[in-house]
Amino acid sequence: MHRWTPEGLSGVAMLVVSVVVGGPVLFGAAQPEIPRALWIVLFGALLVALFVAAATERPSTVGAVSWAVAVVTAWAVVSTAPGMGLLPVLLVIVAAVSVYIVPVRVGLCVVALNTFVIAWATAQQSGDTGATILTSGFYLLIQLATLFSSVSLLREQRMRRELTEAHVELQAASVLLSESARTAERLRISRDLHDLIGHQLTVLALELETARHRDGEQAREHVERANGVARELLADVRSTVGELRVEPLNLAAALTQVACDLPGLEVQIDVAPDVDVGEDQAAAFVRAVQELVTNALRHAGARTLWIEVSSERGGAVLSAVDDGAGARKLTVGNGLRGLAERFEALGGSVSFDGTCGFRVTAWVPSS
């Protein structure tokens, strides 16, 4: 899940708030209970750990370790600063970041421990039980509100992504269903052509055969009938051929329809004018774009996806790349494996590269 979004926790804002609340000690307005240089080192370690944890694109070992370091250093920073001021806000930030790194139950446990640290530090400072309860309760509520707000944001983002993926799948199915309906219509016309014209040709042959064995006026009558049948046959052929003159699938329009109106992802599609593919190849390209868009939304955290289709090597080549995180050790899942199998079944090939964004090159021979 990419978190550098308006809906998520902004890493820059988080660091700014952290520096502001730590300002009194940083700039000498308050003296910590430990050497000031050591406190500043702990505070710096906290900022770095928070930044790494918040910048992690998806739950990972690096993110979890960084967050754990942030938790411990935040406890040390808060508990060693007299007068605390707004320093407990650091613990609120740590609780908010937990939602993106660890399960909610772990975040709740840390909230409880954070509250204990705040209560202990307040008691050490004032010795007033009422102030301790009031302060710790206040920050407990803030932590819970922040944590559950982050949970709601994550859930909303997840639902939005799932709706977008469903939209892409529906658009792809619509394109393929439309082409399937066109194919079914052509099959219907071909059957009608066989049944109707086959019957008329049989009648025409019988009339001519009969005329061949008759003389005079009787033969003329059969020839006239044969002439009428031939004219009807010509009209039917012209009508049927006219119905068969359907426009081929507009590949550029079909691919654009699959990838249109996607919140959070801009898809740029360029199809060369000389690209000529059959129905099966076009269906493979439509499914490829569907998978690429879904991958960019679900895994890559991309903002832009570029797709280009051109004529090369006696066929058509689809080249796609996004500006997402990529993956140096690429793991091919079921979706990408199915994409490769689809192209290989048509005599083509597919290659993947995750070193700089996520790149796919798919080739299929001309039909």
Protein backbone atom coordinates (compact mmCIF):
# COMPACT_ATOMS: atom_id res chain seq x y z
CA MET A 1 0.00 0.00 0.00
CA HIS A 2 1.52 3.31 -1.06
CA ARG A 3 1.16 5.83 1.73
CA TRP A 4 2.44 9.05 0.20
CA THR A 5 -1.08 10.14 -0.65
CA PRO A 6 -3.42 12.85 0.64
CA GLU A 7 -5.52 10.15 2.30
CA GLY A 8 -2.57 8.49 4.04
CA LEU A 9 -0.14 9.68 6.66
CA SER A 10 2.21 12.19 5.05
CA GLY A 11 5.81 11.39 5.84
CA VAL A 12 6.90 15.01 5.47
CA ALA A 13 4.15 16.32 7.76
CA MET A 14 4.96 13.61 10.28
CA LEU A 15 8.62 14.66 10.43
CA VAL A 16 7.72 18.34 10.67
CA VAL A 17 5.38 17.70 13.60
CA SER A 18 8.02 15.55 15.30
CA VAL A 19 10.66 18.27 15.02
CA VAL A 20 8.23 20.90 16.32
CA VAL A 21 7.28 18.94 19.44
CA GLY A 22 10.94 18.14 20.10
CA GLY A 23 12.01 21.73 19.50
CA PRO A 24 12.26 22.88 23.15
CA VAL A 25 14.91 20.27 23.93
CA LEU A 26 16.57 20.44 20.51
CA PHE A 27 17.14 24.18 20.77
CA GLY A 28 18.07 24.30 24.46
CA ALA A 29 14.81 25.62 25.93
CA ALA A 30 14.56 22.50 28.13
CA GLN A 31 17.25 20.22 29.54
CA PRO A 32 16.67 16.44 29.40
CA GLU A 33 17.51 14.11 32.28
CA ILE A 34 20.24 12.49 30.18
CA PRO A 35 23.08 14.26 28.35
CA ARG A 36 21.52 16.52 25.75
CA ALA A 37 23.74 15.13 22.97
CA LEU A 38 22.53 11.59 23.74
CA TRP A 39 18.91 12.77 23.76
CA ILE A 40 19.40 14.40 20.35
CA VAL A 41 20.94 11.16 19.02
CA LEU A 42 17.91 9.20 20.28
CA PHE A 43 15.56 11.78 18.78
CA GLY A 44 17.39 11.60 15.43
CA ALA A 45 17.20 7.80 15.49
CA LEU A 46 13.45 8.11 16.14
CA LEU A 47 12.96 10.40 13.14
CA VAL A 48 14.97 8.13 10.83
CA ALA A 49 13.14 5.01 12.02
CA LEU A 50 9.75 6.69 11.58
CA PHE A 51 10.66 7.88 8.10
CA VAL A 52 11.82 4.43 6.98
CA ALA A 53 8.76 2.74 8.49
CA ALA A 54 6.33 5.20 6.90
CA ALA A 55 8.12 5.05 3.52
CA THR A 56 7.93 1.27 3.29
CA GLU A 57 5.61 0.49 0.37
CA ARG A 58 4.16 -2.65 1.91
CA PRO A 59 4.55 -4.66 5.14
CA SER A 60 8.13 -5.92 5.27
CA THR A 61 10.88 -6.89 7.68
CA VAL A 62 12.60 -3.53 7.16
CA GLY A 63 9.42 -1.65 7.98
CA ALA A 64 8.70 -3.76 11.07
CA VAL A 65 12.23 -3.39 12.45
CA SER A 66 12.24 0.36 11.77
CA TRP A 67 8.90 0.76 13.51
CA ALA A 68 10.10 -1.27 16.51
CA VAL A 69 13.15 1.01 16.77
CA ALA A 70 10.83 4.03 16.58
CA VAL A 71 8.70 2.65 19.43
CA VAL A 72 11.65 2.09 21.76
CA THR A 73 13.38 5.40 20.97
CA ALA A 74 10.08 7.27 21.37
CA TRP A 75 9.71 5.80 24.87
CA ALA A 76 13.26 6.87 25.71
CA VAL A 77 12.80 10.38 24.30
CA VAL A 78 9.50 11.00 26.12
CA SER A 79 10.51 9.51 29.46
CA THR A 80 13.80 11.44 29.70
CA ALA A 81 12.45 14.91 28.92
CA PRO A 82 11.18 16.87 31.94
CA GLY A 83 8.08 18.89 31.43
CA MET A 84 7.42 16.76 28.31
CA GLY A 85 5.22 19.43 26.80
CA LEU A 86 3.85 18.00 23.55
CA LEU A 87 6.42 15.20 23.29
CA PRO A 88 3.77 12.48 23.82
CA VAL A 89 2.55 13.41 20.35
CA LEU A 90 5.52 11.33 19.16
CA LEU A 91 3.85 8.29 20.68
CA VAL A 92 0.62 9.20 18.89
CA ILE A 93 2.52 9.23 15.58
CA VAL A 94 4.10 5.87 16.37
CA ALA A 95 0.64 4.43 17.03
CA ALA A 96 -0.71 5.83 13.76
CA VAL A 97 2.16 4.35 11.73
CA SER A 98 1.64 0.93 13.32
CA VAL A 99 -1.47 0.31 11.21
CA TYR A 100 0.65 0.21 8.03
CA ILE A 101 3.31 -2.08 9.49
CA VAL A 102 1.82 -4.58 11.96
CA PRO A 103 -1.59 -6.10 12.77
CA VAL A 104 -4.04 -3.86 14.63
CA ARG A 105 -3.83 -5.97 17.80
CA VAL A 106 -0.08 -5.26 17.98
CA GLY A 107 -0.77 -1.55 17.50
CA LEU A 108 -3.28 -1.65 20.38
CA CYS A 109 -0.70 -3.30 22.62
CA VAL A 110 1.77 -0.52 21.80
CA VAL A 111 -0.93 2.07 22.54
CA ALA A 112 -1.33 0.53 25.99
CA LEU A 113 2.46 0.58 26.57
CA ASN A 114 2.65 4.16 25.27
CA THR A 115 -0.01 5.18 27.76
CA PHE A 116 1.93 3.53 30.58
CA VAL A 117 5.07 5.47 29.55
CA ILE A 118 3.10 8.74 29.51
CA ALA A 119 1.57 7.97 32.91
CA TRP A 120 4.96 7.11 34.42
CA ALA A 121 6.65 10.23 32.97
CA THR A 122 3.79 12.46 34.17
CA ALA A 123 3.89 10.94 37.65
CA GLN A 124 7.64 11.45 37.81
CA GLN A 125 7.27 15.08 36.80
CA SER A 126 4.29 16.22 38.89
CA GLY A 127 3.51 13.48 41.41
CA ASP A 128 -0.15 14.48 41.04
CA THR A 129 -2.34 11.42 40.60
CA GLY A 130 -5.19 13.43 39.08
CA ALA A 131 -2.91 15.08 36.51
CA THR A 132 -1.38 11.70 35.69
CA ILE A 133 -4.78 10.11 35.05
CA LEU A 134 -6.01 13.11 33.05
CA THR A 135 -2.91 13.34 30.86
CA SER A 136 -2.56 9.62 30.22
CA GLY A 137 -6.29 9.27 29.51
CA PHE A 138 -6.20 12.23 27.13
CA TYR A 139 -3.33 10.77 25.12
CA LEU A 140 -4.88 7.30 25.22
CA LEU A 141 -8.00 8.65 23.51
CA ILE A 142 -5.91 10.52 20.94
CA GLN A 143 -3.88 7.39 20.15
CA LEU A 144 -6.99 5.24 19.77
CA ALA A 145 -8.68 7.86 17.57
CA THR A 146 -5.60 8.18 15.37
CA LEU A 147 -5.09 4.42 15.11
CA PHE A 148 -8.69 3.67 14.18
CA SER A 149 -8.77 6.60 11.76
CA SER A 150 -5.76 5.08 10.01
CA VAL A 151 -7.52 1.71 9.95
CA SER A 152 -10.54 3.34 8.32
CA LEU A 153 -8.35 5.05 5.73
CA LEU A 154 -6.62 1.78 4.88
CA ARG A 155 -9.95 0.01 4.57
CA GLU A 156 -11.28 2.75 2.31
CA GLN A 157 -8.17 2.60 0.12
CA ARG A 158 -8.45 -1.19 -0.09
CA MET A 159 -12.12 -1.02 -1.07
CA ARG A 160 -11.38 1.68 -3.64
CA ARG A 161 -8.63 -0.45 -5.14
CA GLU A 162 -10.90 -3.50 -5.28
CA LEU A 163 -13.64 -1.46 -6.95
CA THR A 164 -11.12 -0.18 -9.49
CA GLU A 165 -9.92 -3.71 -10.23
CA ALA A 166 -13.53 -4.83 -10.67
CA HIS A 167 -14.10 -1.89 -13.02
CA VAL A 168 -11.08 -2.92 -15.13
CA GLU A 169 -12.28 -6.52 -15.27
CA LEU A 170 -15.79 -5.43 -16.24
CA GLN A 171 -14.46 -3.18 -19.01
CA ALA A 172 -12.29 -5.98 -20.39
CA ALA A 173 -15.22 -8.41 -20.27
CA SER A 174 -17.41 -5.85 -22.05
CA VAL A 175 -14.89 -5.46 -24.88
CA LEU A 176 -14.47 -9.21 -25.29
CA LEU A 177 -18.22 -9.85 -25.06
CA SER A 178 -18.84 -7.26 -27.77
CA GLU A 179 -16.34 -8.97 -30.04
CA SER A 180 -17.83 -12.37 -29.18
CA ALA A 181 -21.28 -11.09 -30.17
CA ARG A 182 -19.87 -9.90 -33.51
CA THR A 183 -18.32 -13.31 -34.08
CA ALA A 184 -21.60 -15.06 -33.25
CA GLU A 185 -23.42 -12.78 -35.70
CA ARG A 186 -20.98 -13.67 -38.47
CA LEU A 187 -21.51 -17.37 -37.74
CA ARG A 188 -25.27 -16.88 -37.94
CA ILE A 189 -24.96 -15.12 -41.28
CA SER A 190 -22.72 -17.88 -42.64
CA ARG A 191 -25.29 -20.52 -41.66
CA ASP A 192 -28.08 -18.50 -43.28
CA LEU A 193 -25.93 -18.13 -46.37
CA HIS A 194 -25.41 -21.88 -46.55
CA ASP A 195 -29.06 -22.78 -45.98
CA LEU A 196 -30.66 -20.13 -48.21
CA ILE A 197 -28.25 -20.08 -51.11
CA GLY A 198 -27.80 -23.84 -51.00
CA HIS A 199 -31.57 -24.25 -51.47
CA GLN A 200 -31.73 -21.70 -54.29
CA LEU A 201 -28.83 -23.28 -56.15
CA THR A 202 -30.56 -26.65 -55.92
CA VAL A 203 -33.77 -25.19 -57.42
CA LEU A 204 -31.76 -23.45 -60.15
CA ALA A 205 -29.96 -26.67 -61.08
CA LEU A 206 -33.25 -28.60 -61.24
CA GLU A 207 -34.91 -25.97 -63.47
CA LEU A 208 -31.97 -25.93 -65.88
CA GLU A 209 -31.81 -29.73 -65.93
CA THR A 210 -35.51 -29.90 -66.72
CA ALA A 211 -35.20 -27.28 -69.49
CA ARG A 212 -32.38 -29.29 -71.05
CA HIS A 213 -34.79 -32.19 -71.60
CA ARG A 214 -37.68 -30.11 -72.94
CA ASP A 215 -38.26 -28.42 -76.28
CA GLY A 216 -39.80 -25.19 -77.37
CA GLU A 217 -42.17 -23.35 -75.11
CA GLN A 218 -41.85 -25.86 -72.24
CA ALA A 219 -38.09 -25.41 -72.13
CA ARG A 220 -38.49 -21.63 -72.21
CA GLU A 221 -40.79 -21.73 -69.19
CA HIS A 222 -38.15 -23.55 -67.10
CA VAL A 223 -35.42 -21.20 -68.31
CA GLU A 224 -37.51 -18.22 -67.17
CA ARG A 225 -37.94 -19.79 -63.76
CA ALA A 226 -34.22 -20.47 -63.57
CA ASN A 227 -33.57 -16.84 -64.48
CA GLY A 228 -35.84 -15.66 -61.66
CA VAL A 229 -34.12 -17.93 -59.16
CA ALA A 230 -30.71 -16.65 -60.32
CA ARG A 231 -31.79 -13.04 -59.78
CA GLU A 232 -33.08 -13.83 -56.28
CA LEU A 233 -29.85 -15.65 -55.57
CA LEU A 234 -27.78 -12.64 -56.66
CA ALA A 235 -29.83 -10.30 -54.46
CA ASP A 236 -29.46 -12.61 -51.44
CA VAL A 237 -25.70 -12.90 -51.97
CA ARG A 238 -25.32 -9.12 -52.14
CA SER A 239 -27.41 -8.68 -48.98
CA THR A 240 -25.47 -11.30 -47.06
CA VAL A 241 -22.09 -9.97 -48.16
CA GLY A 242 -23.20 -6.51 -47.03
CA GLU A 243 -23.98 -7.88 -43.56
CA LEU A 244 -20.59 -9.55 -43.42
CA ARG A 245 -18.82 -6.25 -44.07
CA VAL A 246 -18.34 -5.46 -40.40
CA GLU A 247 -15.55 -3.27 -39.18
CA PRO A 248 -12.66 -5.10 -37.46
CA LEU A 249 -12.06 -4.56 -33.75
CA ASN A 250 -10.53 -1.15 -33.05
CA LEU A 251 -7.65 -2.30 -30.85
CA ALA A 252 -6.71 1.19 -29.64
CA ALA A 253 -10.29 1.96 -28.61
CA ALA A 254 -10.69 -1.43 -26.94
CA LEU A 255 -7.51 -1.08 -24.87
CA THR A 256 -8.38 2.50 -23.93
CA GLN A 257 -11.82 1.40 -22.76
CA VAL A 258 -10.28 -1.21 -20.46
CA ALA A 259 -7.97 1.35 -18.80
CA CYS A 260 -10.17 4.44 -18.67
CA ASP A 261 -11.35 6.35 -15.57
CA LEU A 262 -9.02 4.74 -13.03
CA PRO A 263 -8.61 6.77 -9.81
CA GLY A 264 -4.97 7.07 -8.81
CA LEU A 265 -3.54 5.60 -12.01
CA GLU A 266 -3.00 7.31 -15.36
CA VAL A 267 -2.72 4.88 -18.28
CA GLN A 268 -1.25 6.15 -21.54
CA ILE A 269 -1.92 3.86 -24.54
CA ASP A 270 -0.37 4.21 -27.97
CA VAL A 271 -1.29 1.74 -30.73
CA ALA A 272 0.56 2.09 -34.04
CA PRO A 273 -1.74 2.52 -37.09
CA ASP A 274 -0.17 -0.44 -38.91
CA VAL A 275 -0.96 -2.97 -36.16
CA ASP A 276 -3.18 -5.71 -37.59
CA VAL A 277 -4.27 -8.52 -35.28
CA GLY A 278 -6.94 -11.17 -35.38
CA GLU A 279 -9.67 -11.82 -32.84
CA ASP A 280 -7.60 -14.16 -30.66
CA GLN A 281 -4.59 -11.82 -30.66
CA ALA A 282 -6.80 -8.81 -29.84
CA ALA A 283 -8.37 -10.75 -26.94
CA ALA A 284 -4.89 -11.56 -25.63
CA PHE A 285 -3.93 -7.86 -25.72
CA VAL A 286 -7.13 -6.88 -23.91
CA ARG A 287 -6.48 -9.42 -21.15
CA ALA A 288 -2.83 -8.31 -20.98
CA VAL A 289 -3.83 -4.68 -20.39
CA GLN A 290 -6.32 -5.81 -17.74
CA GLU A 291 -3.60 -7.74 -15.90
CA LEU A 292 -1.06 -4.92 -16.22
CA VAL A 293 -3.48 -2.34 -14.82
CA THR A 294 -4.47 -4.63 -11.95
CA ASN A 295 -0.80 -5.31 -11.14
CA ALA A 296 0.01 -1.57 -11.17
CA LEU A 297 -2.86 -0.87 -8.78
CA ARG A 298 -2.46 -3.83 -6.45
CA HIS A 299 1.28 -4.38 -6.19
CA ALA A 300 3.39 -1.69 -7.82
CA GLY A 301 1.95 1.43 -6.17
CA ALA A 302 2.34 3.12 -9.56
CA ARG A 303 0.95 6.48 -10.62
CA THR A 304 1.44 6.13 -14.39
CA LEU A 305 1.41 3.14 -16.74
CA TRP A 306 2.67 3.46 -20.32
CA ILE A 307 1.49 0.90 -22.90
CA GLU A 308 2.62 0.79 -26.53
CA VAL A 309 1.56 -1.66 -29.25
CA SER A 310 3.59 -1.80 -32.47
CA SER A 311 4.24 -4.07 -35.44
CA GLU A 312 7.53 -5.92 -35.15
CA ARG A 313 9.10 -9.26 -36.06
CA GLY A 314 6.22 -10.38 -38.23
CA GLY A 315 3.66 -9.75 -35.54
CA ALA A 316 2.51 -7.30 -32.88
CA VAL A 317 4.44 -6.31 -29.75
CA LEU A 318 2.97 -4.88 -26.55
CA SER A 319 5.47 -2.98 -24.40
CA ALA A 320 4.38 -1.70 -20.99
CA VAL A 321 6.18 -0.06 -18.07
CA ASP A 322 4.98 1.68 -14.91
CA ASP A 323 6.62 4.08 -12.46
CA GLY A 324 6.03 1.85 -9.47
CA ALA A 325 8.39 0.20 -7.02
CA GLY A 326 9.37 -2.73 -9.23
CA ALA A 327 11.02 -5.83 -7.79
CA ARG A 328 14.61 -6.94 -8.22
CA LYS A 329 13.63 -10.49 -7.30
CA LEU A 330 10.54 -10.85 -9.44
CA THR A 331 7.96 -13.43 -8.38
CA VAL A 332 5.53 -14.34 -11.15
CA GLY A 333 2.05 -14.86 -9.73
CA ASN A 334 -0.97 -16.58 -11.23
CA GLY A 335 -2.08 -13.50 -13.17
CA LEU A 336 1.26 -12.97 -14.93
CA ARG A 337 1.69 -16.71 -15.45
CA GLY A 338 -1.72 -16.86 -17.10
CA LEU A 339 -0.80 -13.88 -19.30
CA ALA A 340 2.35 -15.67 -20.48
CA GLU A 341 0.44 -18.89 -21.16
CA ARG A 342 -2.16 -17.00 -23.21
CA PHE A 343 0.49 -15.52 -25.52
CA GLU A 344 2.46 -18.76 -25.76
CA ALA A 345 -0.71 -20.59 -26.84
CA LEU A 346 -0.86 -18.17 -29.79
CA GLY A 347 2.77 -18.87 -30.70
CA GLY A 348 4.08 -15.72 -28.97
CA SER A 349 6.20 -14.94 -25.93
CA VAL A 350 6.22 -12.69 -22.85
CA SER A 351 9.11 -11.31 -20.78
CA PHE A 352 9.05 -9.49 -17.42
CA ASP A 353 11.54 -7.07 -15.83
CA GLY A 354 11.19 -5.44 -12.41
CA THR A 355 14.54 -3.64 -12.08
CA CYS A 356 13.17 -0.18 -12.91
CA GLY A 357 9.45 -0.04 -12.40
CA PHE A 358 7.66 -3.10 -13.78
CA ARG A 359 8.18 -3.77 -17.49
CA VAL A 360 6.38 -6.31 -19.70
CA THR A 361 7.07 -7.13 -23.34
CA ALA A 362 4.60 -9.43 -25.09
CA TRP A 363 4.88 -10.56 -28.72
CA VAL A 364 2.36 -12.47 -30.81
CA PRO A 365 2.69 -13.47 -34.49
CA SER A 366 0.31 -12.12 -37.11
CA SER A 367 -2.83 -14.18 -37.57
